[in-house]
Amino acid sequence: MAAADLAALAQAKQLLEHPSYMARVTDAIGMPIENAVKALPASWSKGISTVTTASLNKCFKVANATLLPTGNTSHPKMHSVAVAVTGALGGAFGIAGLAVELPVSTTVMLRSIADIGRANGEMLGTPEAQLACLMVFSLGGKSGDDDASESGYFAARVALARAMSEATAYLSKHAVAQESAPALVRLIAQIAAKFNVQVSQKAAAMMVPVLGAAGGALVNTLFINHFQDMARGHFTVRRLERLYGPEVVSAAYRALPK
């Protein structure tokens, strides 16, 4: 692997394996994010999960309908501003605004993710690239099910491999994605399980009384910045896989320092 590409892979691993979202939010709200999550009423957990899954379904359909398939530049700042505005509105209404704010901000984030993917050579008109964009929402968060012997990034890809394959095959045969299609339902459910953890963290941070609308904008900006970092790492790996092959890139990735 060329030195420049190996350096790009090392930067991608740093982004994917050491996300700083938790630290950034902790600094922003002045308390550990774990404590903020624990302070959420138990009854809200199910509601957040429902909103998360519905948001992924809606953003997948809307964002794909409005994306150009090719391009070589991305515009992360523009998308960050848009998400900050939705965060300000959501913060003003507290948890009650999450059901309205999350689908909008998730759609904007998916567009930003796709924008970054497109700049890394992804052909957004293909089902594989579209689902690779959606997969980014499952990255950057650890769970008790993660294998400690495996990198978090590749463990996530392996865990989603079968569902991704089924969903790609479905989209290749159908011009329009049906939200009720079993292949997509399974994939989105798996991604939503990971994304829900981070949405809960975001909701908890936005509920800190001193934040309000301005805090909601800040938390949302940190939220999209996190997924933009995950997208940069993810699509760098995929770009290098197209150049060198998955096995070569995987081996090089694992050989890099943690």
Protein backbone atom coordinates (compact mmCIF):
# COMPACT_ATOMS: atom_id res chain seq x y z
CA MET A 1 0.00 0.00 0.00
CA ALA A 2 1.35 3.46 -0.93
CA ALA A 3 2.59 5.59 1.95
CA ALA A 4 -0.07 8.27 1.37
CA ASP A 5 -2.84 5.66 1.37
CA LEU A 6 -1.49 4.02 4.51
CA ALA A 7 -1.46 7.42 6.20
CA ALA A 8 -5.08 7.98 5.10
CA LEU A 9 -5.99 4.57 6.52
CA ALA A 10 -4.31 5.42 9.82
CA GLN A 11 -6.32 8.65 10.03
CA ALA A 12 -9.50 6.72 9.21
CA LYS A 13 -8.78 4.25 12.01
CA GLN A 14 -8.21 7.09 14.45
CA LEU A 15 -11.62 8.53 13.56
CA LEU A 16 -13.46 5.21 13.64
CA GLU A 17 -11.94 3.64 16.74
CA HIS A 18 -11.56 6.74 18.92
CA PRO A 19 -14.66 8.89 18.44
CA SER A 20 -14.64 11.99 20.65
CA TYR A 21 -18.39 12.64 20.64
CA MET A 22 -18.90 11.61 24.28
CA ALA A 23 -16.09 13.86 25.47
CA ARG A 24 -17.33 16.81 23.43
CA VAL A 25 -20.87 16.52 24.74
CA THR A 26 -19.64 16.06 28.31
CA ASP A 27 -17.68 19.30 27.99
CA ALA A 28 -20.69 21.07 26.48
CA ILE A 29 -23.20 20.13 29.19
CA GLY A 30 -20.81 20.19 32.12
CA MET A 31 -21.56 16.65 33.31
CA PRO A 32 -20.75 13.08 32.19
CA ILE A 33 -23.13 12.07 29.42
CA GLU A 34 -23.72 8.71 31.14
CA ASN A 35 -25.23 10.55 34.09
CA ALA A 36 -27.46 12.58 31.79
CA VAL A 37 -28.73 9.39 30.12
CA LYS A 38 -29.46 7.78 33.49
CA ALA A 39 -31.50 10.84 34.42
CA LEU A 40 -33.92 10.23 31.53
CA PRO A 41 -37.28 8.81 32.67
CA ALA A 42 -37.47 5.07 31.96
CA SER A 43 -40.69 5.57 30.00
CA TRP A 44 -38.84 7.67 27.43
CA SER A 45 -36.46 4.92 26.36
CA LYS A 46 -39.11 3.08 24.35
CA GLY A 47 -40.34 6.32 22.83
CA ILE A 48 -36.83 7.32 21.74
CA SER A 49 -36.33 3.87 20.19
CA THR A 50 -39.58 4.19 18.21
CA VAL A 51 -38.68 7.67 16.98
CA THR A 52 -35.17 6.51 16.02
CA THR A 53 -36.40 3.64 13.85
CA ALA A 54 -39.06 5.80 12.21
CA SER A 55 -36.47 8.50 11.51
CA LEU A 56 -34.13 6.06 9.75
CA ASN A 57 -36.99 4.82 7.58
CA LYS A 58 -38.02 8.35 6.61
CA CYS A 59 -34.54 9.75 6.06
CA PHE A 60 -33.52 6.80 3.88
CA LYS A 61 -36.44 7.40 1.55
CA VAL A 62 -36.29 11.22 1.45
CA ALA A 63 -32.53 11.72 1.30
CA ASN A 64 -32.02 9.18 -1.49
CA ALA A 65 -34.65 10.92 -3.57
CA THR A 66 -32.79 14.25 -3.40
CA LEU A 67 -29.15 13.22 -3.82
CA LEU A 68 -27.13 13.60 -7.01
CA PRO A 69 -25.30 10.33 -7.77
CA THR A 70 -21.83 11.75 -8.53
CA GLY A 71 -19.55 14.56 -7.40
CA ASN A 72 -16.07 15.17 -5.98
CA THR A 73 -16.63 17.72 -3.21
CA SER A 74 -18.53 17.72 0.07
CA HIS A 75 -20.11 20.51 2.11
CA PRO A 76 -20.02 19.49 5.79
CA LYS A 77 -20.35 23.04 7.17
CA MET A 78 -23.58 23.68 5.27
CA HIS A 79 -25.14 20.53 6.69
CA SER A 80 -23.85 21.37 10.19
CA VAL A 81 -25.59 24.73 10.09
CA ALA A 82 -28.85 23.12 8.98
CA VAL A 83 -28.71 20.59 11.82
CA ALA A 84 -27.85 23.33 14.33
CA VAL A 85 -31.07 25.12 13.38
CA THR A 86 -33.16 21.98 13.93
CA GLY A 87 -31.34 21.42 17.22
CA ALA A 88 -32.21 24.93 18.38
CA LEU A 89 -35.88 24.28 17.63
CA GLY A 90 -35.76 20.88 19.33
CA GLY A 91 -33.97 22.29 22.36
CA ALA A 92 -36.63 24.95 22.78
CA PHE A 93 -39.32 22.26 23.16
CA GLY A 94 -37.25 19.72 25.09
CA ILE A 95 -37.96 16.01 24.70
CA ALA A 96 -41.39 16.75 23.23
CA GLY A 97 -39.70 18.19 20.15
CA LEU A 98 -37.59 15.09 19.49
CA ALA A 99 -40.23 13.33 17.38
CA VAL A 100 -40.34 16.33 15.04
CA GLU A 101 -36.68 17.33 15.16
CA LEU A 102 -35.00 13.90 14.83
CA PRO A 103 -36.40 12.87 11.40
CA VAL A 104 -35.35 16.25 9.97
CA SER A 105 -31.87 16.27 11.49
CA THR A 106 -31.33 12.60 10.57
CA THR A 107 -32.21 13.32 6.94
CA VAL A 108 -29.77 16.24 6.86
CA MET A 109 -27.08 14.06 8.44
CA LEU A 110 -27.65 11.32 5.88
CA ARG A 111 -27.27 13.88 3.11
CA SER A 112 -23.99 15.03 4.66
CA ILE A 113 -22.81 11.42 5.01
CA ALA A 114 -23.68 10.76 1.37
CA ASP A 115 -21.96 14.00 0.37
CA ILE A 116 -18.74 12.77 2.01
CA GLY A 117 -19.16 9.33 0.45
CA ARG A 118 -19.63 10.83 -3.00
CA ALA A 119 -16.42 12.88 -2.56
CA ASN A 120 -14.64 9.59 -1.83
CA GLY A 121 -15.78 8.01 -5.08
CA GLU A 122 -19.04 6.36 -4.03
CA MET A 123 -21.63 6.08 -6.80
CA LEU A 124 -24.75 7.10 -4.93
CA GLY A 125 -27.03 5.72 -7.61
CA THR A 126 -26.09 2.17 -6.54
CA PRO A 127 -27.87 0.31 -3.73
CA GLU A 128 -24.55 -0.68 -2.15
CA ALA A 129 -23.43 2.95 -1.78
CA GLN A 130 -26.83 4.05 -0.47
CA LEU A 131 -26.78 1.36 2.23
CA ALA A 132 -23.14 2.13 3.04
CA CYS A 133 -24.31 5.66 3.84
CA LEU A 134 -27.07 4.36 6.10
CA MET A 135 -24.58 2.07 7.86
CA VAL A 136 -22.64 5.09 9.16
CA PHE A 137 -25.37 5.60 11.77
CA SER A 138 -24.28 2.33 13.39
CA LEU A 139 -20.65 3.42 13.77
CA GLY A 140 -18.83 5.07 16.63
CA GLY A 141 -20.71 3.58 19.55
CA LYS A 142 -19.70 0.59 21.62
CA SER A 143 -22.10 -1.96 23.02
CA GLY A 144 -21.78 -4.95 25.31
CA ASP A 145 -22.17 -7.22 22.28
CA ASP A 146 -19.00 -5.94 20.60
CA ASP A 147 -16.15 -8.45 20.40
CA ALA A 148 -13.20 -7.02 22.33
CA SER A 149 -10.76 -8.95 20.10
CA GLU A 150 -12.08 -7.28 16.97
CA SER A 151 -11.86 -3.65 15.91
CA GLY A 152 -15.12 -1.86 16.57
CA TYR A 153 -15.38 -0.75 12.95
CA PHE A 154 -14.92 -4.13 11.31
CA ALA A 155 -17.01 -5.82 13.98
CA ALA A 156 -19.87 -3.49 13.02
CA ARG A 157 -19.43 -4.35 9.34
CA VAL A 158 -19.38 -8.07 10.03
CA ALA A 159 -22.48 -7.81 12.22
CA LEU A 160 -24.39 -6.06 9.45
CA ALA A 161 -22.97 -8.08 6.55
CA ARG A 162 -25.89 -10.45 6.00
CA ALA A 163 -28.58 -7.81 6.42
CA MET A 164 -26.64 -5.47 4.10
CA SER A 165 -26.37 -8.20 1.47
CA GLU A 166 -30.09 -8.98 1.61
CA ALA A 167 -31.07 -5.30 1.47
CA THR A 168 -28.68 -4.64 -1.44
CA ALA A 169 -30.16 -7.56 -3.38
CA TYR A 170 -33.67 -6.25 -2.73
CA LEU A 171 -32.86 -2.70 -3.84
CA SER A 172 -31.13 -4.01 -6.97
CA LYS A 173 -34.41 -5.61 -8.05
CA HIS A 174 -36.81 -2.84 -7.02
CA ALA A 175 -36.69 0.70 -8.34
CA VAL A 176 -38.36 2.11 -5.22
CA ALA A 177 -37.50 1.09 -1.68
CA GLN A 178 -40.52 -0.14 0.26
CA GLU A 179 -40.18 0.54 4.00
CA SER A 180 -42.04 -2.70 4.77
CA ALA A 181 -39.67 -4.89 2.74
CA PRO A 182 -38.33 -7.58 5.13
CA ALA A 183 -34.72 -7.10 3.99
CA LEU A 184 -34.81 -3.37 4.72
CA VAL A 185 -36.73 -3.85 7.97
CA ARG A 186 -34.03 -6.18 9.29
CA LEU A 187 -31.19 -3.89 8.24
CA ILE A 188 -32.76 -0.73 9.64
CA ALA A 189 -33.62 -2.52 12.89
CA GLN A 190 -29.98 -3.50 13.37
CA ILE A 191 -28.71 -0.02 12.54
CA ALA A 192 -31.40 1.60 14.71
CA ALA A 193 -30.28 -0.48 17.71
CA LYS A 194 -26.84 1.16 17.53
CA PHE A 195 -28.10 4.60 16.52
CA ASN A 196 -30.62 4.60 19.36
CA VAL A 197 -27.82 4.61 21.94
CA GLN A 198 -26.40 7.81 20.51
CA VAL A 199 -29.83 9.40 20.04
CA SER A 200 -30.51 8.72 23.73
CA GLN A 201 -27.26 10.50 24.58
CA LYS A 202 -28.25 13.44 22.41
CA ALA A 203 -31.74 13.62 23.93
CA ALA A 204 -30.31 13.46 27.44
CA ALA A 205 -27.85 16.26 26.71
CA MET A 206 -30.60 18.45 25.26
CA MET A 207 -32.66 17.90 28.41
CA VAL A 208 -30.07 19.54 30.67
CA PRO A 209 -32.06 22.59 31.93
CA VAL A 210 -29.34 25.19 31.39
CA LEU A 211 -29.00 24.44 27.70
CA GLY A 212 -32.29 25.34 26.05
CA ALA A 213 -32.38 26.28 22.38
CA ALA A 214 -28.73 27.40 22.18
CA GLY A 215 -27.63 24.16 23.81
CA GLY A 216 -29.80 22.14 21.43
CA ALA A 217 -28.02 23.76 18.49
CA LEU A 218 -24.63 22.98 20.03
CA VAL A 219 -25.48 19.36 20.81
CA ASN A 220 -26.83 18.83 17.30
CA THR A 221 -23.69 20.35 15.81
CA LEU A 222 -21.56 17.95 17.86
CA PHE A 223 -23.89 15.12 16.79
CA ILE A 224 -23.48 15.74 13.05
CA ASN A 225 -19.75 16.39 13.43
CA HIS A 226 -19.47 12.94 15.00
CA PHE A 227 -21.20 11.22 12.10
CA GLN A 228 -19.25 13.28 9.57
CA ASP A 229 -16.08 11.92 11.19
CA MET A 230 -17.49 8.38 11.02
CA ALA A 231 -18.33 8.94 7.35
CA ARG A 232 -14.83 10.21 6.55
CA GLY A 233 -13.29 7.15 8.13
CA HIS A 234 -15.78 4.69 6.64
CA PHE A 235 -15.57 5.96 3.09
CA THR A 236 -11.80 6.25 3.22
CA VAL A 237 -11.67 2.54 4.05
CA ARG A 238 -14.12 1.74 1.25
CA ARG A 239 -12.15 3.87 -1.25
CA LEU A 240 -8.95 2.02 -0.38
CA GLU A 241 -10.75 -1.32 -0.61
CA ARG A 242 -11.66 -0.48 -4.19
CA LEU A 243 -7.97 0.18 -4.89
CA TYR A 244 -6.29 -2.66 -3.01
CA GLY A 245 -9.03 -5.14 -2.18
CA PRO A 246 -10.83 -5.71 1.16
CA GLU A 247 -8.38 -8.30 2.49
CA VAL A 248 -5.30 -6.10 2.01
CA VAL A 249 -6.98 -3.09 3.59
CA SER A 250 -8.39 -5.11 6.48
CA ALA A 251 -4.97 -6.57 7.27
CA ALA A 252 -3.28 -3.16 7.07
CA TYR A 253 -6.00 -1.61 9.27
CA ARG A 254 -5.57 -4.22 11.99
CA ALA A 255 -1.78 -3.89 11.88
CA LEU A 256 -1.97 -0.16 12.62
CA PRO A 257 -1.52 0.96 16.26
CA LYS A 258 -4.75 1.26 18.24
